[in-house]
Amino acid sequence: MRLAFMGTPDFAVPSLAELIASGHEIVAVYSQPPRPKGRGQKLTPSPVHAFAEAMGLPVFTPESMKAAEAIDIFKSLDLDAACVVAYGQILKPEVLEAPRLGCFNLHGSLLPRWRGAAPIQRAIMAGDRQTGAQIMRMSEGLDEGAIILSEVMDIHADDTAASLTERMAHLGAALWPRALAAIERGGFTETEQAGEATYAKKITPAEARIDWTRSAAEVDAHIRGLSPFPGAWFEVEADGEPVRIKGLMSALAEGDGTPGQVLDEALTVACGTGAVRLGRVQRPGKAAQSADEMLRGFPVPAGTILVGLQSEGSSFSTRRDPQV
């Protein structure tokens, strides 16, 4: 089949690799334009862009697929189908209807649950036990198209957004050859989505702040769902100034106390009910490290209280509990 592939992040690279290995003709790869990155703010191609160039594939990086010129170029490709994985742009009807068989998208949830930008993070943060990868026919609505192929996967108790994304990227990539073979021969059933839709909105930095008044299970899920990016965060006072620290890995732990209270010298923190132990953290301008390593150079003594979102409008601060 003559295909266009449209994707941008690391998550999409295994899908492109699978399509190449399957023998399809990839006549064009679309990705977001290179963006400034690093201290030097050097323009850097996306992971999909870089991989496609390494494979000798033509790459298109329009600022907007809504532009008439971009749409005309896409139409001129004479495509059988387009495969879309986390491309990052809305496609107009003219684009969706241009390939002979249509445009198809790999989505990282069991639709209609978690339509939108951050389905993997939201599933972990919500405490879901299962999720999945689905290939669907694209429509004008946000992730509202009919489902063609699905694969269910468990969310492990120690999964982070990074680990689940990695597993799902490869699981989803393996769906493409089966889905395209069925699409090409017309031997598939399109199943309309059923049930109540939920939406996986983009994570904001403010939302990533840890609320220690929630249960330990909820705090743990919040931390793991935001690891490594953008990173759930809390603040500790050092030299009279608040220092924002990201919690990148956690586990449920024994203990109780005032929500936000550090219970021991291993960065176990009390929650609304139960406690979590922070296993991996990151300070501003520093590389991620184990909590033990950070505490050797940046102590957070037992008894420190990390005050969370206990009331509307409250802000983070730290103090020592005089009774500890």
Protein backbone atom coordinates (compact mmCIF):
# COMPACT_ATOMS: atom_id res chain seq x y z
CA MET A 1 0.00 0.00 0.00
CA ARG A 2 1.06 3.59 -0.62
CA LEU A 3 1.10 5.15 2.83
CA ALA A 4 1.81 8.42 4.53
CA PHE A 5 2.91 8.24 8.14
CA MET A 6 2.13 11.14 10.47
CA GLY A 7 3.75 11.23 13.90
CA THR A 8 6.10 13.21 16.10
CA PRO A 9 7.32 11.78 19.47
CA ASP A 10 9.30 8.69 20.45
CA PHE A 11 5.99 6.88 21.00
CA ALA A 12 5.37 6.92 17.23
CA VAL A 13 8.77 5.62 16.09
CA PRO A 14 8.06 1.86 16.63
CA SER A 15 4.93 2.19 14.48
CA LEU A 16 6.89 3.72 11.60
CA ALA A 17 9.55 1.02 11.96
CA GLU A 18 6.88 -1.69 11.87
CA LEU A 19 5.28 -0.26 8.73
CA ILE A 20 8.65 -0.12 6.98
CA ALA A 21 9.42 -3.71 8.00
CA SER A 22 6.01 -4.83 6.73
CA GLY A 23 6.93 -3.86 3.18
CA HIS A 24 4.53 -0.98 2.68
CA GLU A 25 5.63 1.94 0.53
CA ILE A 26 6.03 4.96 2.80
CA VAL A 27 5.82 7.79 0.30
CA ALA A 28 5.83 10.58 2.88
CA VAL A 29 6.42 11.09 6.58
CA TYR A 30 4.78 14.07 8.28
CA SER A 31 6.03 15.42 11.60
CA GLN A 32 5.95 18.60 13.63
CA PRO A 33 8.59 21.15 12.57
CA PRO A 34 11.98 21.16 14.32
CA ARG A 35 11.86 23.02 17.63
CA PRO A 36 14.55 24.77 19.73
CA LYS A 37 15.99 22.38 22.28
CA GLY A 38 18.67 22.31 24.94
CA ARG A 39 20.77 25.11 26.39
CA GLY A 40 21.79 26.32 22.95
CA GLN A 41 18.18 26.27 21.72
CA LYS A 42 19.34 24.56 18.55
CA LEU A 43 16.57 23.57 16.14
CA THR A 44 16.12 19.84 16.62
CA PRO A 45 14.00 17.48 14.50
CA SER A 46 11.39 15.35 16.23
CA PRO A 47 12.18 11.67 16.94
CA VAL A 48 9.99 10.58 14.01
CA HIS A 49 11.62 13.15 11.70
CA ALA A 50 15.12 11.98 12.66
CA PHE A 51 14.25 8.29 12.26
CA ALA A 52 12.55 8.84 8.90
CA GLU A 53 15.56 10.70 7.53
CA ALA A 54 17.84 7.92 8.74
CA MET A 55 15.65 5.48 6.79
CA GLY A 56 15.88 7.64 3.66
CA LEU A 57 12.22 8.64 3.69
CA PRO A 58 10.94 12.04 2.53
CA VAL A 59 9.83 14.19 5.46
CA PHE A 60 7.30 17.03 5.45
CA THR A 61 7.06 19.41 8.41
CA PRO A 62 4.31 21.97 7.71
CA GLU A 63 3.58 24.40 10.50
CA SER A 64 -0.11 23.76 9.86
CA MET A 65 -1.90 20.99 7.99
CA LYS A 66 -4.79 23.43 7.65
CA ALA A 67 -2.84 25.51 5.12
CA ALA A 68 -4.06 25.17 1.54
CA GLU A 69 -0.58 24.40 0.21
CA ALA A 70 -0.05 21.61 2.74
CA ILE A 71 -3.44 20.09 1.90
CA ASP A 72 -2.73 20.22 -1.84
CA ILE A 73 0.62 18.47 -1.40
CA PHE A 74 -1.01 15.77 0.71
CA LYS A 75 -3.73 15.21 -1.89
CA SER A 76 -1.13 14.90 -4.65
CA LEU A 77 0.52 11.89 -2.96
CA ASP A 78 -2.11 9.47 -4.32
CA LEU A 79 -2.26 7.55 -1.03
CA ASP A 80 -4.04 4.33 -0.20
CA ALA A 81 -4.08 5.27 3.49
CA ALA A 82 -2.48 7.46 6.14
CA CYS A 83 -1.28 6.09 9.48
CA VAL A 84 -1.31 8.63 12.31
CA VAL A 85 0.38 8.25 15.71
CA ALA A 86 0.58 11.26 18.05
CA TYR A 87 1.10 13.69 15.18
CA GLY A 88 -0.01 16.72 17.16
CA GLN A 89 -2.11 18.53 14.55
CA ILE A 90 -5.82 18.54 13.77
CA LEU A 91 -6.58 17.19 10.29
CA LYS A 92 -9.30 18.85 8.23
CA PRO A 93 -11.90 16.80 6.34
CA GLU A 94 -10.05 17.41 3.06
CA VAL A 95 -7.02 15.63 4.53
CA LEU A 96 -9.00 12.81 6.14
CA GLU A 97 -10.77 12.07 2.88
CA ALA A 98 -7.74 12.32 0.58
CA PRO A 99 -6.36 8.73 0.88
CA ARG A 100 -8.32 6.12 -1.03
CA LEU A 101 -9.10 4.06 2.09
CA GLY A 102 -8.96 6.83 4.69
CA CYS A 103 -6.82 7.98 7.62
CA PHE A 104 -6.28 5.75 10.65
CA ASN A 105 -4.99 6.58 14.11
CA LEU A 106 -3.30 4.62 16.88
CA HIS A 107 -4.62 5.79 20.25
CA GLY A 108 -3.33 4.83 23.70
CA SER A 109 -6.51 4.00 25.58
CA LEU A 110 -9.71 1.97 25.36
CA LEU A 111 -12.00 4.51 23.77
CA PRO A 112 -14.21 6.32 24.56
CA ARG A 113 -12.29 6.45 27.85
CA TRP A 114 -9.50 9.01 27.75
CA ARG A 115 -10.00 10.77 24.47
CA GLY A 116 -7.45 13.51 23.99
CA ALA A 117 -3.84 14.49 24.55
CA ALA A 118 -2.69 12.57 27.63
CA PRO A 119 -4.47 9.18 27.79
CA ILE A 120 -1.57 7.21 29.25
CA GLN A 121 -0.88 9.67 32.06
CA ARG A 122 -4.56 10.07 32.88
CA ALA A 123 -5.17 6.33 33.06
CA ILE A 124 -2.42 5.87 35.66
CA MET A 125 -3.41 8.98 37.60
CA ALA A 126 -7.01 7.75 37.81
CA GLY A 127 -5.95 4.38 39.19
CA ASP A 128 -7.17 2.42 36.16
CA ARG A 129 -6.19 -1.25 36.21
CA GLN A 130 -6.34 -1.71 32.43
CA THR A 131 -5.86 0.32 29.29
CA GLY A 132 -5.12 -0.58 25.71
CA ALA A 133 -4.02 0.36 22.22
CA GLN A 134 -6.59 0.88 19.49
CA ILE A 135 -6.49 1.63 15.79
CA MET A 136 -9.49 3.64 14.68
CA ARG A 137 -10.76 5.39 11.57
CA MET A 138 -10.21 9.09 11.99
CA SER A 139 -13.16 11.48 11.96
CA GLU A 140 -13.57 15.21 12.54
CA GLY A 141 -14.39 14.73 16.23
CA LEU A 142 -11.65 14.31 18.83
CA ASP A 143 -10.86 10.57 18.96
CA GLU A 144 -14.48 9.77 18.10
CA GLY A 145 -13.89 7.43 15.14
CA ALA A 146 -14.95 3.80 14.82
CA ILE A 147 -12.58 1.16 16.23
CA ILE A 148 -10.92 -1.30 13.87
CA LEU A 149 -8.52 -3.22 16.12
CA SER A 150 -7.85 -3.27 19.88
CA GLU A 151 -5.41 -4.82 22.31
CA VAL A 152 -6.00 -4.67 26.07
CA MET A 153 -3.07 -4.33 28.47
CA ASP A 154 -2.76 -4.29 32.25
CA ILE A 155 -1.43 -1.30 34.16
CA HIS A 156 1.09 -2.61 36.69
CA ALA A 157 1.28 -1.30 40.24
CA ASP A 158 4.76 0.12 39.58
CA ASP A 159 4.08 1.51 36.10
CA THR A 160 5.05 5.08 35.37
CA ALA A 161 3.94 7.06 32.35
CA ALA A 162 7.34 6.24 30.83
CA SER A 163 7.16 2.47 31.34
CA LEU A 164 3.55 2.21 30.17
CA THR A 165 4.27 4.40 27.15
CA GLU A 166 7.19 2.19 26.15
CA ARG A 167 5.13 -1.00 26.36
CA MET A 168 2.18 0.52 24.58
CA ALA A 169 4.32 1.95 21.76
CA HIS A 170 5.45 -1.55 20.81
CA LEU A 171 2.06 -3.18 21.41
CA GLY A 172 0.39 -0.56 19.24
CA ALA A 173 3.03 -0.82 16.51
CA ALA A 174 2.34 -4.55 16.20
CA LEU A 175 -1.33 -3.80 15.43
CA TRP A 176 -0.60 -1.92 12.21
CA PRO A 177 0.21 -4.87 9.87
CA ARG A 178 -2.92 -6.74 10.96
CA ALA A 179 -5.12 -3.67 10.70
CA LEU A 180 -3.82 -2.61 7.29
CA ALA A 181 -4.14 -6.13 5.87
CA ALA A 182 -7.78 -6.18 6.95
CA ILE A 183 -8.39 -2.66 5.64
CA GLU A 184 -6.82 -3.49 2.27
CA ARG A 185 -9.00 -6.54 1.70
CA GLY A 186 -12.10 -5.02 3.25
CA GLY A 187 -12.25 -7.80 5.82
CA PHE A 188 -12.81 -5.81 8.97
CA THR A 189 -15.70 -4.48 11.04
CA GLU A 190 -15.76 -0.91 12.23
CA THR A 191 -17.15 -0.80 15.77
CA GLU A 192 -18.64 2.46 16.90
CA GLN A 193 -17.52 3.64 20.32
CA ALA A 194 -20.01 2.96 23.09
CA GLY A 195 -20.29 4.24 26.64
CA GLU A 196 -19.55 7.47 28.43
CA ALA A 197 -16.57 9.42 27.12
CA THR A 198 -13.88 10.80 29.40
CA TYR A 199 -11.25 13.29 28.28
CA ALA A 200 -7.51 13.21 28.84
CA LYS A 201 -6.71 16.89 28.93
CA LYS A 202 -3.15 18.10 28.64
CA ILE A 203 -1.36 18.14 32.00
CA THR A 204 -0.64 21.62 33.39
CA PRO A 205 2.27 22.42 35.74
CA ALA A 206 -0.17 23.59 38.42
CA GLU A 207 -2.09 20.32 38.22
CA ALA A 208 1.15 18.38 38.71
CA ARG A 209 1.49 19.73 42.27
CA ILE A 210 1.06 16.96 44.83
CA ASP A 211 -1.93 17.11 47.14
CA TRP A 212 -0.82 15.26 50.28
CA THR A 213 -4.37 15.30 51.70
CA ARG A 214 -5.41 12.65 49.20
CA SER A 215 -5.04 8.95 50.00
CA ALA A 216 -1.65 7.29 49.59
CA ALA A 217 -2.96 5.28 46.64
CA GLU A 218 -4.09 8.47 44.89
CA VAL A 219 -0.82 10.29 45.59
CA ASP A 220 1.19 7.31 44.38
CA ALA A 221 -0.85 7.12 41.16
CA HIS A 222 -0.48 10.87 40.67
CA ILE A 223 3.31 10.69 40.98
CA ARG A 224 3.72 7.66 38.73
CA GLY A 225 1.33 9.02 36.11
CA LEU A 226 3.40 12.18 35.75
CA SER A 227 6.81 10.50 35.65
CA PRO A 228 9.06 11.59 34.08
CA PHE A 229 7.20 14.50 32.51
CA PRO A 230 6.10 16.97 33.65
CA GLY A 231 6.88 15.45 37.06
CA ALA A 232 4.66 15.68 40.13
CA TRP A 233 6.14 18.29 42.45
CA PHE A 234 6.29 19.58 46.00
CA GLU A 235 8.32 22.27 47.72
CA VAL A 236 10.84 22.25 50.53
CA GLU A 237 12.20 25.36 52.19
CA ALA A 238 15.97 25.75 52.00
CA ASP A 239 17.81 28.85 53.23
CA GLY A 240 14.49 30.62 53.53
CA GLU A 241 13.50 29.95 49.93
CA PRO A 242 11.08 27.33 48.55
CA VAL A 243 12.76 24.69 46.40
CA ARG A 244 10.56 22.78 43.99
CA ILE A 245 11.35 19.06 43.89
CA LYS A 246 9.86 16.60 41.43
CA GLY A 247 8.76 13.21 42.68
CA LEU A 248 9.47 10.75 39.86
CA MET A 249 8.90 7.39 41.52
CA SER A 250 6.97 6.33 44.60
CA ALA A 251 5.57 3.31 46.37
CA LEU A 252 2.97 2.75 49.06
CA ALA A 253 4.50 2.65 52.54
CA GLU A 254 3.57 2.08 56.17
CA GLY A 255 2.91 5.05 58.42
CA ASP A 256 0.53 7.86 59.17
CA GLY A 257 0.65 11.43 60.31
CA THR A 258 -0.31 14.92 59.29
CA PRO A 259 -0.73 15.03 55.48
CA GLY A 260 2.60 16.09 54.03
CA GLN A 261 4.60 15.12 57.13
CA VAL A 262 7.98 13.50 56.45
CA LEU A 263 7.95 10.40 58.65
CA ASP A 264 11.54 9.18 58.48
CA GLU A 265 14.98 9.75 57.01
CA ALA A 266 14.05 7.90 53.79
CA LEU A 267 11.53 10.46 52.51
CA THR A 268 8.39 8.60 53.51
CA VAL A 269 5.55 11.12 53.51
CA ALA A 270 2.17 10.87 55.21
CA CYS A 271 -0.93 11.33 53.08
CA GLY A 272 -4.59 11.81 53.91
CA THR A 273 -4.64 8.07 54.64
CA GLY A 274 -1.48 5.96 54.58
CA ALA A 275 1.89 7.07 53.28
CA VAL A 276 4.15 6.95 50.23
CA ARG A 277 7.91 6.61 49.99
CA LEU A 278 9.56 8.71 47.31
CA GLY A 279 12.15 6.58 45.55
CA ARG A 280 13.36 8.89 42.81
CA VAL A 281 13.38 12.68 42.75
CA GLN A 282 14.78 15.63 40.85
CA ARG A 283 15.86 19.05 42.07
CA PRO A 284 15.92 22.14 39.81
CA GLY A 285 18.92 22.06 37.50
CA LYS A 286 19.94 18.60 38.70
CA ALA A 287 19.71 15.17 37.15
CA ALA A 288 17.13 12.74 38.49
CA GLN A 289 18.49 10.70 41.38
CA SER A 290 17.42 8.34 44.11
CA ALA A 291 15.93 9.89 47.22
CA ASP A 292 18.85 8.51 49.26
CA GLU A 293 21.34 10.32 47.05
CA MET A 294 19.46 13.61 47.27
CA LEU A 295 19.07 13.42 51.03
CA ARG A 296 22.83 13.08 51.52
CA GLY A 297 23.35 16.53 50.05
CA PHE A 298 19.92 18.07 50.59
CA PRO A 299 18.44 16.78 53.86
CA VAL A 300 14.70 16.79 54.45
CA PRO A 301 14.50 15.79 58.12
CA ALA A 302 11.76 13.70 59.68
CA GLY A 303 9.11 16.03 61.01
CA THR A 304 9.18 18.42 58.06
CA ILE A 305 5.63 19.20 56.95
CA LEU A 306 4.99 19.71 53.27
CA VAL A 307 1.71 21.63 53.21
CA GLY A 308 -0.35 20.73 50.15
CA LEU A 309 -3.63 21.72 48.57
CA GLN A 310 -5.62 21.62 51.80
CA SER A 311 -7.79 24.56 50.90
CA GLU A 312 -8.55 26.60 47.82
CA GLY A 313 -5.91 29.23 47.26
CA SER A 314 -3.39 27.66 49.64
CA SER A 315 0.24 27.42 48.58
CA PHE A 316 3.06 25.11 49.44
CA SER A 317 5.26 25.83 52.42
CA THR A 318 7.28 23.78 54.82
CA ARG A 319 7.65 23.82 58.56
CA ARG A 320 8.84 21.54 61.32
CA ASP A 321 6.18 19.79 63.40
CA PRO A 322 7.08 20.83 66.99
CA GLN A 323 5.73 17.54 68.37
CA VAL A 324 8.13 15.36 66.35
